[in-house]
Amino acid sequence: MIAVRPAQLTDAPGIAAVHVAAWRSAYAGILPADYLARLSLNRQTGHYLMAIQRGIAVHVLTAAGADLPNGSPHPRVVGFSTARRHGPESPHGEGEIETLYVLDDWRERGHGRRLMQASAGWLAARGCGTLFLWVLRDNPSRWFYVRLGGAAVAEQTIRVAGQEVVQTAYAWRAIGGLLA
């Protein structure tokens, strides 16, 4: 069984595992290999524990039963998203989807869309009519956001792992389009 739901504290280690695996996969050849190898499950678990405790919008995609190779009845986190509200003063959108990662074996099945919808729904419930997100320009999955109706609205250079990389902001001027 596949489910998308708000994260619980007990999900933090699974969220951290997805975060590390997704970064190592998506950013290989984009970010330094030694940096990706040093990503820490413990540090990421602590980060997501604090985020969930503070009430940050964290949604998880879980799989259980026949949807897992071993048929385990215990849900396993296979993807997640986080979102936060900015308000009308933000130049790109009132809400931001800060992270969205799905393990490689679970991609191309509509799960990323479900996580986007969960985050967009959370933002809409808090009064956001627009949203945006940042994606590294060289991320091979950036097409996903275009396919969901996001329009590139800005670029900026940031430093990650001591190197400069360019990221692109994709925006949705009507959050309802993601919820349909």
N, C-alpha and C. Protein backbone atom coordinates (compact mmCIF):
# COMPACT_ATOMS: atom_id res chain seq x y z
N MET A 1 0.83 -1.18 0.00
CA MET A 1 0.00 0.00 0.00
C MET A 1 0.88 1.25 0.00
N ILE A 2 0.54 2.20 -0.85
CA ILE A 2 1.24 3.47 -0.97
C ILE A 2 0.39 4.54 -0.29
N ALA A 3 1.02 5.38 0.52
CA ALA A 3 0.29 6.44 1.20
C ALA A 3 1.15 7.70 1.29
N VAL A 4 0.49 8.85 1.23
CA VAL A 4 1.13 10.14 1.51
C VAL A 4 0.44 10.69 2.74
N ARG A 5 1.23 11.10 3.74
CA ARG A 5 0.67 11.60 4.99
C ARG A 5 1.66 12.54 5.65
N PRO A 6 1.18 13.34 6.62
CA PRO A 6 2.11 14.18 7.37
C PRO A 6 3.12 13.30 8.12
N ALA A 7 4.34 13.76 8.19
CA ALA A 7 5.41 13.00 8.85
C ALA A 7 5.21 12.97 10.36
N GLN A 8 5.67 11.88 10.96
CA GLN A 8 5.72 11.72 12.41
C GLN A 8 7.19 11.65 12.81
N LEU A 9 7.45 11.87 14.08
CA LEU A 9 8.84 11.84 14.55
C LEU A 9 9.54 10.54 14.20
N THR A 10 8.82 9.43 14.24
CA THR A 10 9.43 8.13 13.94
C THR A 10 9.83 7.99 12.47
N ASP A 11 9.37 8.92 11.61
CA ASP A 11 9.73 8.89 10.19
C ASP A 11 11.09 9.52 9.91
N ALA A 12 11.64 10.27 10.86
CA ALA A 12 12.85 11.05 10.61
C ALA A 12 14.01 10.20 10.06
N PRO A 13 14.31 9.01 10.61
CA PRO A 13 15.41 8.24 10.02
C PRO A 13 15.14 7.83 8.57
N GLY A 14 13.90 7.50 8.25
CA GLY A 14 13.56 7.14 6.87
C GLY A 14 13.65 8.33 5.93
N ILE A 15 13.22 9.49 6.41
CA ILE A 15 13.33 10.72 5.62
C ILE A 15 14.81 11.02 5.35
N ALA A 16 15.63 10.89 6.38
CA ALA A 16 17.07 11.13 6.24
C ALA A 16 17.69 10.18 5.22
N ALA A 17 17.29 8.92 5.25
CA ALA A 17 17.82 7.94 4.30
C ALA A 17 17.44 8.31 2.87
N VAL A 18 16.20 8.76 2.66
CA VAL A 18 15.78 9.19 1.33
C VAL A 18 16.58 10.42 0.90
N HIS A 19 16.74 11.38 1.81
CA HIS A 19 17.47 12.61 1.51
C HIS A 19 18.90 12.27 1.02
N VAL A 20 19.61 11.46 1.78
CA VAL A 20 20.99 11.12 1.43
C VAL A 20 21.05 10.35 0.12
N ALA A 21 20.20 9.35 -0.05
CA ALA A 21 20.20 8.55 -1.28
C ALA A 21 19.84 9.40 -2.49
N ALA A 22 18.86 10.27 -2.35
CA ALA A 22 18.44 11.11 -3.47
C ALA A 22 19.53 12.10 -3.86
N TRP A 23 20.19 12.71 -2.88
CA TRP A 23 21.28 13.62 -3.20
C TRP A 23 22.41 12.88 -3.91
N ARG A 24 22.77 11.72 -3.42
CA ARG A 24 23.87 10.97 -4.04
C ARG A 24 23.53 10.58 -5.47
N SER A 25 22.27 10.31 -5.74
CA SER A 25 21.85 9.94 -7.08
C SER A 25 21.71 11.17 -7.99
N ALA A 26 20.93 12.14 -7.55
CA ALA A 26 20.61 13.30 -8.40
C ALA A 26 21.80 14.21 -8.65
N TYR A 27 22.69 14.33 -7.66
CA TYR A 27 23.75 15.31 -7.77
C TYR A 27 25.12 14.72 -8.09
N ALA A 28 25.17 13.43 -8.39
CA ALA A 28 26.44 12.81 -8.84
C ALA A 28 26.88 13.51 -10.13
N GLY A 29 28.14 13.95 -10.14
CA GLY A 29 28.66 14.66 -11.30
C GLY A 29 28.34 16.15 -11.27
N ILE A 30 27.47 16.58 -10.35
CA ILE A 30 27.12 17.99 -10.22
C ILE A 30 27.82 18.57 -8.99
N LEU A 31 27.76 17.83 -7.88
CA LEU A 31 28.44 18.21 -6.64
C LEU A 31 29.62 17.28 -6.43
N PRO A 32 30.62 17.70 -5.67
CA PRO A 32 31.82 16.87 -5.46
C PRO A 32 31.47 15.51 -4.84
N ALA A 33 32.08 14.46 -5.39
CA ALA A 33 31.82 13.09 -4.93
C ALA A 33 32.16 12.91 -3.46
N ASP A 34 33.24 13.53 -2.98
CA ASP A 34 33.61 13.37 -1.57
C ASP A 34 32.57 14.03 -0.65
N TYR A 35 31.98 15.12 -1.08
CA TYR A 35 30.93 15.77 -0.31
C TYR A 35 29.71 14.85 -0.22
N LEU A 36 29.29 14.29 -1.34
CA LEU A 36 28.14 13.38 -1.35
C LEU A 36 28.40 12.15 -0.50
N ALA A 37 29.63 11.64 -0.54
CA ALA A 37 29.97 10.45 0.26
C ALA A 37 29.91 10.75 1.76
N ARG A 38 30.17 12.01 2.14
CA ARG A 38 30.19 12.37 3.56
C ARG A 38 28.82 12.77 4.12
N LEU A 39 27.78 12.78 3.28
CA LEU A 39 26.46 13.12 3.80
C LEU A 39 26.13 12.19 4.96
N SER A 40 25.62 12.76 6.03
CA SER A 40 25.43 12.02 7.27
C SER A 40 23.96 11.69 7.54
N LEU A 41 23.67 10.41 7.68
CA LEU A 41 22.32 9.99 8.06
C LEU A 41 21.96 10.54 9.44
N ASN A 42 22.89 10.50 10.36
CA ASN A 42 22.61 11.00 11.71
C ASN A 42 22.29 12.50 11.71
N ARG A 43 23.07 13.27 10.99
CA ARG A 43 22.83 14.71 10.92
C ARG A 43 21.49 15.01 10.26
N GLN A 44 21.19 14.31 9.18
CA GLN A 44 19.91 14.53 8.49
C GLN A 44 18.74 14.08 9.37
N THR A 45 18.91 12.98 10.10
CA THR A 45 17.85 12.54 11.00
C THR A 45 17.57 13.62 12.04
N GLY A 46 18.61 14.18 12.62
CA GLY A 46 18.44 15.26 13.59
C GLY A 46 17.76 16.47 12.98
N HIS A 47 18.15 16.81 11.76
CA HIS A 47 17.53 17.95 11.07
C HIS A 47 16.03 17.73 10.91
N TYR A 48 15.63 16.55 10.45
CA TYR A 48 14.21 16.30 10.22
C TYR A 48 13.43 16.09 11.51
N LEU A 49 14.08 15.57 12.54
CA LEU A 49 13.41 15.50 13.85
C LEU A 49 13.03 16.91 14.32
N MET A 50 13.98 17.83 14.21
CA MET A 50 13.72 19.21 14.63
C MET A 50 12.65 19.84 13.77
N ALA A 51 12.69 19.60 12.46
CA ALA A 51 11.69 20.18 11.56
C ALA A 51 10.28 19.70 11.92
N ILE A 52 10.14 18.41 12.15
CA ILE A 52 8.83 17.86 12.49
C ILE A 52 8.37 18.40 13.84
N GLN A 53 9.27 18.47 14.81
CA GLN A 53 8.93 18.99 16.14
C GLN A 53 8.48 20.45 16.06
N ARG A 54 9.08 21.22 15.17
CA ARG A 54 8.73 22.64 15.05
C ARG A 54 7.47 22.87 14.22
N GLY A 55 6.89 21.79 13.70
CA GLY A 55 5.66 21.94 12.93
C GLY A 55 5.84 22.32 11.48
N ILE A 56 7.05 22.14 10.97
CA ILE A 56 7.29 22.39 9.54
C ILE A 56 6.48 21.36 8.75
N ALA A 57 5.98 21.76 7.61
CA ALA A 57 5.16 20.86 6.79
C ALA A 57 6.06 19.83 6.13
N VAL A 58 6.09 18.64 6.68
CA VAL A 58 6.84 17.52 6.12
C VAL A 58 5.83 16.42 5.81
N HIS A 59 5.78 16.03 4.54
CA HIS A 59 4.91 14.93 4.13
C HIS A 59 5.78 13.77 3.68
N VAL A 60 5.35 12.55 4.00
CA VAL A 60 6.10 11.37 3.59
C VAL A 60 5.26 10.52 2.64
N LEU A 61 5.96 9.86 1.74
CA LEU A 61 5.39 8.85 0.87
C LEU A 61 5.87 7.52 1.43
N THR A 62 4.94 6.67 1.83
CA THR A 62 5.33 5.39 2.41
C THR A 62 4.80 4.25 1.54
N ALA A 63 5.50 3.14 1.61
CA ALA A 63 5.09 1.91 0.92
C ALA A 63 5.07 0.79 1.95
N ALA A 64 4.14 -0.13 1.79
CA ALA A 64 4.04 -1.28 2.69
C ALA A 64 3.38 -2.43 1.93
N GLY A 65 3.47 -3.61 2.52
CA GLY A 65 2.80 -4.79 1.98
C GLY A 65 3.30 -5.17 0.60
N ALA A 66 2.38 -5.43 -0.30
CA ALA A 66 2.72 -5.92 -1.63
C ALA A 66 3.54 -4.91 -2.44
N ASP A 67 3.55 -3.65 -2.02
CA ASP A 67 4.33 -2.65 -2.74
C ASP A 67 5.81 -2.67 -2.38
N LEU A 68 6.19 -3.44 -1.37
CA LEU A 68 7.60 -3.59 -1.01
C LEU A 68 8.10 -4.94 -1.51
N PRO A 69 9.37 -5.02 -1.92
CA PRO A 69 9.90 -6.29 -2.43
C PRO A 69 9.76 -7.45 -1.44
N ASN A 70 9.89 -7.19 -0.16
CA ASN A 70 9.80 -8.27 0.83
C ASN A 70 8.38 -8.41 1.41
N GLY A 71 7.45 -7.57 0.93
CA GLY A 71 6.07 -7.66 1.38
C GLY A 71 5.84 -7.25 2.82
N SER A 72 6.77 -6.52 3.41
CA SER A 72 6.68 -6.13 4.81
C SER A 72 5.42 -5.32 5.09
N PRO A 73 4.73 -5.63 6.18
CA PRO A 73 3.55 -4.83 6.54
C PRO A 73 3.92 -3.49 7.19
N HIS A 74 5.21 -3.32 7.51
CA HIS A 74 5.66 -2.09 8.16
C HIS A 74 5.97 -1.05 7.09
N PRO A 75 5.33 0.12 7.14
CA PRO A 75 5.57 1.15 6.12
C PRO A 75 7.02 1.60 6.10
N ARG A 76 7.52 1.83 4.91
CA ARG A 76 8.88 2.34 4.69
C ARG A 76 8.77 3.66 3.95
N VAL A 77 9.50 4.68 4.41
CA VAL A 77 9.51 5.97 3.74
C VAL A 77 10.30 5.82 2.44
N VAL A 78 9.66 6.19 1.32
CA VAL A 78 10.31 6.10 0.01
C VAL A 78 10.36 7.46 -0.69
N GLY A 79 9.82 8.49 -0.03
CA GLY A 79 9.86 9.84 -0.57
C GLY A 79 9.35 10.82 0.47
N PHE A 80 9.62 12.10 0.26
CA PHE A 80 9.12 13.12 1.18
C PHE A 80 9.18 14.50 0.52
N SER A 81 8.45 15.42 1.11
CA SER A 81 8.50 16.83 0.69
C SER A 81 8.38 17.71 1.93
N THR A 82 8.88 18.93 1.81
CA THR A 82 8.72 19.92 2.87
C THR A 82 8.25 21.22 2.23
N ALA A 83 7.49 22.01 3.00
CA ALA A 83 6.98 23.27 2.47
C ALA A 83 6.92 24.31 3.58
N ARG A 84 6.95 25.57 3.19
CA ARG A 84 6.77 26.65 4.15
C ARG A 84 6.10 27.85 3.48
N ARG A 85 5.42 28.60 4.29
CA ARG A 85 4.70 29.78 3.83
C ARG A 85 5.62 30.99 3.92
N HIS A 86 5.62 31.81 2.86
CA HIS A 86 6.39 33.06 2.86
C HIS A 86 5.49 34.26 3.02
N GLY A 87 4.36 34.28 2.33
CA GLY A 87 3.47 35.42 2.35
C GLY A 87 3.55 36.21 1.05
N PRO A 88 2.71 37.22 0.92
CA PRO A 88 2.60 37.95 -0.35
C PRO A 88 3.83 38.79 -0.70
N GLU A 89 4.71 39.04 0.24
CA GLU A 89 5.89 39.86 -0.07
C GLU A 89 6.97 39.11 -0.83
N SER A 90 6.88 37.80 -0.90
CA SER A 90 7.88 37.00 -1.60
C SER A 90 7.78 37.23 -3.11
N PRO A 91 8.89 37.48 -3.78
CA PRO A 91 8.82 37.81 -5.22
C PRO A 91 8.42 36.63 -6.11
N HIS A 92 8.58 35.39 -5.66
CA HIS A 92 8.33 34.25 -6.54
C HIS A 92 7.05 33.51 -6.21
N GLY A 93 6.54 33.65 -5.01
CA GLY A 93 5.31 32.97 -4.62
C GLY A 93 5.10 33.07 -3.13
N GLU A 94 3.88 32.88 -2.71
CA GLU A 94 3.54 32.99 -1.29
C GLU A 94 4.02 31.79 -0.49
N GLY A 95 4.14 30.65 -1.13
CA GLY A 95 4.60 29.45 -0.47
C GLY A 95 5.75 28.82 -1.25
N GLU A 96 6.56 28.05 -0.53
CA GLU A 96 7.71 27.40 -1.16
C GLU A 96 7.72 25.91 -0.82
N ILE A 97 7.94 25.11 -1.83
CA ILE A 97 8.24 23.70 -1.59
C ILE A 97 9.76 23.64 -1.52
N GLU A 98 10.25 23.36 -0.32
CA GLU A 98 11.70 23.43 -0.08
C GLU A 98 12.42 22.16 -0.52
N THR A 99 11.79 21.01 -0.32
CA THR A 99 12.41 19.75 -0.73
C THR A 99 11.35 18.81 -1.28
N LEU A 100 11.75 18.00 -2.23
CA LEU A 100 10.91 16.93 -2.74
C LEU A 100 11.85 15.87 -3.30
N TYR A 101 11.89 14.73 -2.63
CA TYR A 101 12.76 13.64 -3.07
C TYR A 101 12.01 12.32 -3.02
N VAL A 102 12.23 11.52 -4.03
CA VAL A 102 11.67 10.17 -4.11
C VAL A 102 12.82 9.24 -4.48
N LEU A 103 12.92 8.10 -3.82
CA LEU A 103 13.97 7.14 -4.14
C LEU A 103 13.87 6.73 -5.61
N ASP A 104 15.01 6.46 -6.22
CA ASP A 104 15.05 6.13 -7.65
C ASP A 104 14.08 5.02 -8.04
N ASP A 105 13.99 3.96 -7.25
CA ASP A 105 13.12 2.82 -7.59
C ASP A 105 11.64 3.16 -7.53
N TRP A 106 11.28 4.31 -7.00
CA TRP A 106 9.88 4.70 -6.82
C TRP A 106 9.49 5.87 -7.72
N ARG A 107 10.42 6.30 -8.57
CA ARG A 107 10.14 7.43 -9.46
C ARG A 107 9.38 6.95 -10.69
N GLU A 108 8.86 7.92 -11.43
CA GLU A 108 8.13 7.65 -12.68
C GLU A 108 6.82 6.89 -12.44
N ARG A 109 6.24 7.04 -11.26
CA ARG A 109 4.98 6.36 -10.92
C ARG A 109 3.91 7.32 -10.41
N GLY A 110 4.16 8.61 -10.51
CA GLY A 110 3.19 9.60 -10.04
C GLY A 110 3.34 9.98 -8.58
N HIS A 111 4.35 9.41 -7.91
CA HIS A 111 4.51 9.68 -6.47
C HIS A 111 5.01 11.10 -6.20
N GLY A 112 5.89 11.61 -7.06
CA GLY A 112 6.34 13.00 -6.89
C GLY A 112 5.19 13.97 -7.02
N ARG A 113 4.29 13.70 -7.95
CA ARG A 113 3.10 14.55 -8.11
C ARG A 113 2.25 14.51 -6.84
N ARG A 114 2.10 13.35 -6.25
CA ARG A 114 1.31 13.23 -5.02
C ARG A 114 1.95 14.04 -3.88
N LEU A 115 3.27 14.00 -3.78
CA LEU A 115 3.94 14.79 -2.76
C LEU A 115 3.80 16.29 -3.04
N MET A 116 3.91 16.68 -4.31
CA MET A 116 3.69 18.09 -4.67
C MET A 116 2.29 18.52 -4.27
N GLN A 117 1.30 17.67 -4.54
CA GLN A 117 -0.08 18.01 -4.20
C GLN A 117 -0.27 18.12 -2.69
N ALA A 118 0.37 17.24 -1.93
CA ALA A 118 0.26 17.31 -0.46
C ALA A 118 0.83 18.63 0.04
N SER A 119 2.00 19.01 -0.45
CA SER A 119 2.62 20.26 -0.02
C SER A 119 1.80 21.46 -0.50
N ALA A 120 1.34 21.42 -1.74
CA ALA A 120 0.53 22.52 -2.27
C ALA A 120 -0.78 22.64 -1.48
N GLY A 121 -1.37 21.52 -1.12
CA GLY A 121 -2.59 21.55 -0.31
C GLY A 121 -2.36 22.17 1.05
N TRP A 122 -1.23 21.83 1.67
CA TRP A 122 -0.87 22.41 2.96
C TRP A 122 -0.72 23.93 2.83
N LEU A 123 -0.04 24.36 1.76
CA LEU A 123 0.15 25.79 1.54
C LEU A 123 -1.17 26.50 1.26
N ALA A 124 -2.01 25.89 0.42
CA ALA A 124 -3.31 26.49 0.10
C ALA A 124 -4.17 26.64 1.35
N ALA A 125 -4.11 25.65 2.23
CA ALA A 125 -4.89 25.71 3.47
C ALA A 125 -4.42 26.85 4.38
N ARG A 126 -3.23 27.37 4.13
CA ARG A 126 -2.69 28.48 4.92
C ARG A 126 -2.73 29.79 4.15
N GLY A 127 -3.55 29.82 3.11
CA GLY A 127 -3.80 31.06 2.40
C GLY A 127 -2.90 31.36 1.22
N CYS A 128 -2.04 30.45 0.84
CA CYS A 128 -1.15 30.70 -0.30
C CYS A 128 -1.88 30.42 -1.61
N GLY A 129 -1.82 31.36 -2.52
CA GLY A 129 -2.41 31.18 -3.84
C GLY A 129 -1.39 30.86 -4.91
N THR A 130 -0.10 31.10 -4.57
CA THR A 130 1.00 30.84 -5.50
C THR A 130 2.10 30.10 -4.75
N LEU A 131 2.96 29.43 -5.51
CA LEU A 131 4.10 28.77 -4.87
C LEU A 131 5.27 28.69 -5.83
N PHE A 132 6.42 28.41 -5.26
CA PHE A 132 7.63 28.25 -6.05
C PHE A 132 8.54 27.23 -5.38
N LEU A 133 9.58 26.86 -6.11
CA LEU A 133 10.64 26.01 -5.56
C LEU A 133 11.91 26.27 -6.34
N TRP A 134 13.03 25.95 -5.71
CA TRP A 134 14.35 26.09 -6.34
C TRP A 134 14.87 24.71 -6.71
N VAL A 135 15.48 24.61 -7.89
CA VAL A 135 16.06 23.36 -8.37
C VAL A 135 17.43 23.68 -8.95
N LEU A 136 18.43 22.85 -8.62
CA LEU A 136 19.72 23.06 -9.26
C LEU A 136 19.53 22.96 -10.77
N ARG A 137 20.06 23.92 -11.49
CA ARG A 137 19.87 23.98 -12.94
C ARG A 137 20.30 22.69 -13.64
N ASP A 138 21.33 22.03 -13.11
CA ASP A 138 21.83 20.81 -13.74
C ASP A 138 21.16 19.55 -13.23
N ASN A 139 20.18 19.68 -12.36
CA ASN A 139 19.45 18.52 -11.84
C ASN A 139 18.71 17.86 -13.01
N PRO A 140 18.96 16.59 -13.27
CA PRO A 140 18.30 15.94 -14.41
C PRO A 140 16.79 15.81 -14.25
N SER A 141 16.25 16.03 -13.07
CA SER A 141 14.81 15.88 -12.84
C SER A 141 14.04 17.19 -12.96
N ARG A 142 14.69 18.27 -13.35
CA ARG A 142 14.01 19.56 -13.40
C ARG A 142 12.84 19.55 -14.38
N TRP A 143 12.87 18.70 -15.37
CA TRP A 143 11.76 18.58 -16.33
C TRP A 143 10.44 18.25 -15.62
N PHE A 144 10.52 17.53 -14.49
CA PHE A 144 9.33 17.14 -13.73
C PHE A 144 8.50 18.37 -13.36
N TYR A 145 9.17 19.43 -12.93
CA TYR A 145 8.48 20.64 -12.50
C TYR A 145 7.84 21.37 -13.68
N VAL A 146 8.48 21.36 -14.82
CA VAL A 146 7.91 21.95 -16.02
C VAL A 146 6.67 21.17 -16.43
N ARG A 147 6.76 19.84 -16.38
CA ARG A 147 5.62 19.00 -16.74
C ARG A 147 4.42 19.25 -15.83
N LEU A 148 4.67 19.66 -14.58
CA LEU A 148 3.58 19.97 -13.65
C LEU A 148 3.08 21.40 -13.79
N GLY A 149 3.63 22.13 -14.75
CA GLY A 149 3.14 23.49 -15.00
C GLY A 149 3.98 24.60 -14.41
N GLY A 150 5.12 24.28 -13.83
CA GLY A 150 5.99 25.31 -13.28
C GLY A 150 6.70 26.08 -14.39
N ALA A 151 6.82 27.38 -14.19
CA ALA A 151 7.53 28.23 -15.14
C ALA A 151 8.80 28.75 -14.50
N ALA A 152 9.91 28.69 -15.24
CA ALA A 152 11.17 29.23 -14.73
C ALA A 152 11.03 30.74 -14.62
N VAL A 153 11.28 31.27 -13.41
CA VAL A 153 11.10 32.70 -13.18
C VAL A 153 12.36 33.42 -12.69
N ALA A 154 13.36 32.67 -12.28
CA ALA A 154 14.58 33.32 -11.78
C ALA A 154 15.72 32.30 -11.72
N GLU A 155 16.93 32.82 -11.72
CA GLU A 155 18.12 32.00 -11.48
C GLU A 155 19.00 32.73 -10.49
N GLN A 156 19.75 31.96 -9.71
CA GLN A 156 20.73 32.55 -8.82
C GLN A 156 21.85 31.55 -8.61
N THR A 157 23.00 32.07 -8.26
CA THR A 157 24.15 31.23 -7.97
C THR A 157 24.28 31.10 -6.46
N ILE A 158 24.45 29.86 -6.00
CA ILE A 158 24.64 29.58 -4.59
C ILE A 158 25.90 28.74 -4.43
N ARG A 159 26.37 28.62 -3.20
CA ARG A 159 27.53 27.77 -2.91
C ARG A 159 27.05 26.52 -2.20
N VAL A 160 27.43 25.38 -2.74
CA VAL A 160 27.14 24.08 -2.12
C VAL A 160 28.44 23.30 -2.15
N ALA A 161 28.84 22.79 -1.00
CA ALA A 161 30.07 22.00 -0.90
C ALA A 161 31.27 22.77 -1.42
N GLY A 162 31.28 24.08 -1.20
CA GLY A 162 32.42 24.90 -1.59
C GLY A 162 32.48 25.26 -3.06
N GLN A 163 31.47 24.89 -3.82
CA GLN A 163 31.50 25.26 -5.24
C GLN A 163 30.23 26.01 -5.60
N GLU A 164 30.35 26.85 -6.61
CA GLU A 164 29.20 27.61 -7.06
C GLU A 164 28.36 26.76 -8.01
N VAL A 165 27.05 26.77 -7.78
CA VAL A 165 26.11 26.11 -8.67
C VAL A 165 24.95 27.06 -8.92
N VAL A 166 24.33 26.91 -10.06
CA VAL A 166 23.20 27.76 -10.41
C VAL A 166 21.92 27.00 -10.11
N GLN A 167 20.98 27.70 -9.50
CA GLN A 167 19.66 27.10 -9.27
C GLN A 167 18.61 27.96 -9.96
N THR A 168 17.54 27.29 -10.36
CA THR A 168 16.43 27.92 -11.07
C THR A 168 15.19 27.87 -10.20
N ALA A 169 14.46 28.99 -10.13
CA ALA A 169 13.18 29.01 -9.43
C ALA A 169 12.08 28.70 -10.44
N TYR A 170 11.23 27.74 -10.10
CA TYR A 170 10.03 27.44 -10.87
C TYR A 170 8.84 27.89 -10.04
N ALA A 171 7.88 28.55 -10.69
CA ALA A 171 6.74 29.10 -9.97
C ALA A 171 5.42 28.66 -10.60
N TRP A 172 4.43 28.59 -9.74
CA TRP A 172 3.05 28.32 -10.13
C TRP A 172 2.24 29.53 -9.68
N ARG A 173 1.67 30.26 -10.62
CA ARG A 173 0.91 31.47 -10.31
C ARG A 173 -0.50 31.15 -9.83
N ALA A 174 -0.90 29.89 -9.95
CA ALA A 174 -2.20 29.46 -9.43
C ALA A 174 -2.00 28.08 -8.80
N ILE A 175 -1.97 28.06 -7.49
CA ILE A 175 -1.71 26.82 -6.75
C ILE A 175 -2.77 25.76 -7.05
N GLY A 176 -3.96 26.20 -7.42
CA GLY A 176 -5.04 25.29 -7.72
C GLY A 176 -4.74 24.34 -8.86
N GLY A 177 -3.88 24.76 -9.79
CA GLY A 177 -3.50 23.89 -10.89
C GLY A 177 -2.79 22.62 -10.43
N LEU A 178 -2.05 22.73 -9.35
CA LEU A 178 -1.37 21.54 -8.81
C LEU A 178 -2.33 20.65 -8.04
N LEU A 179 -3.41 21.21 -7.54
CA LEU A 179 -4.34 20.45 -6.72
C LEU A 179 -5.38 19.71 -7.55
N ALA A 180 -5.53 20.10 -8.82
CA ALA A 180 -6.55 19.47 -9.68
C ALA A 180 -6.16 18.05 -10.07
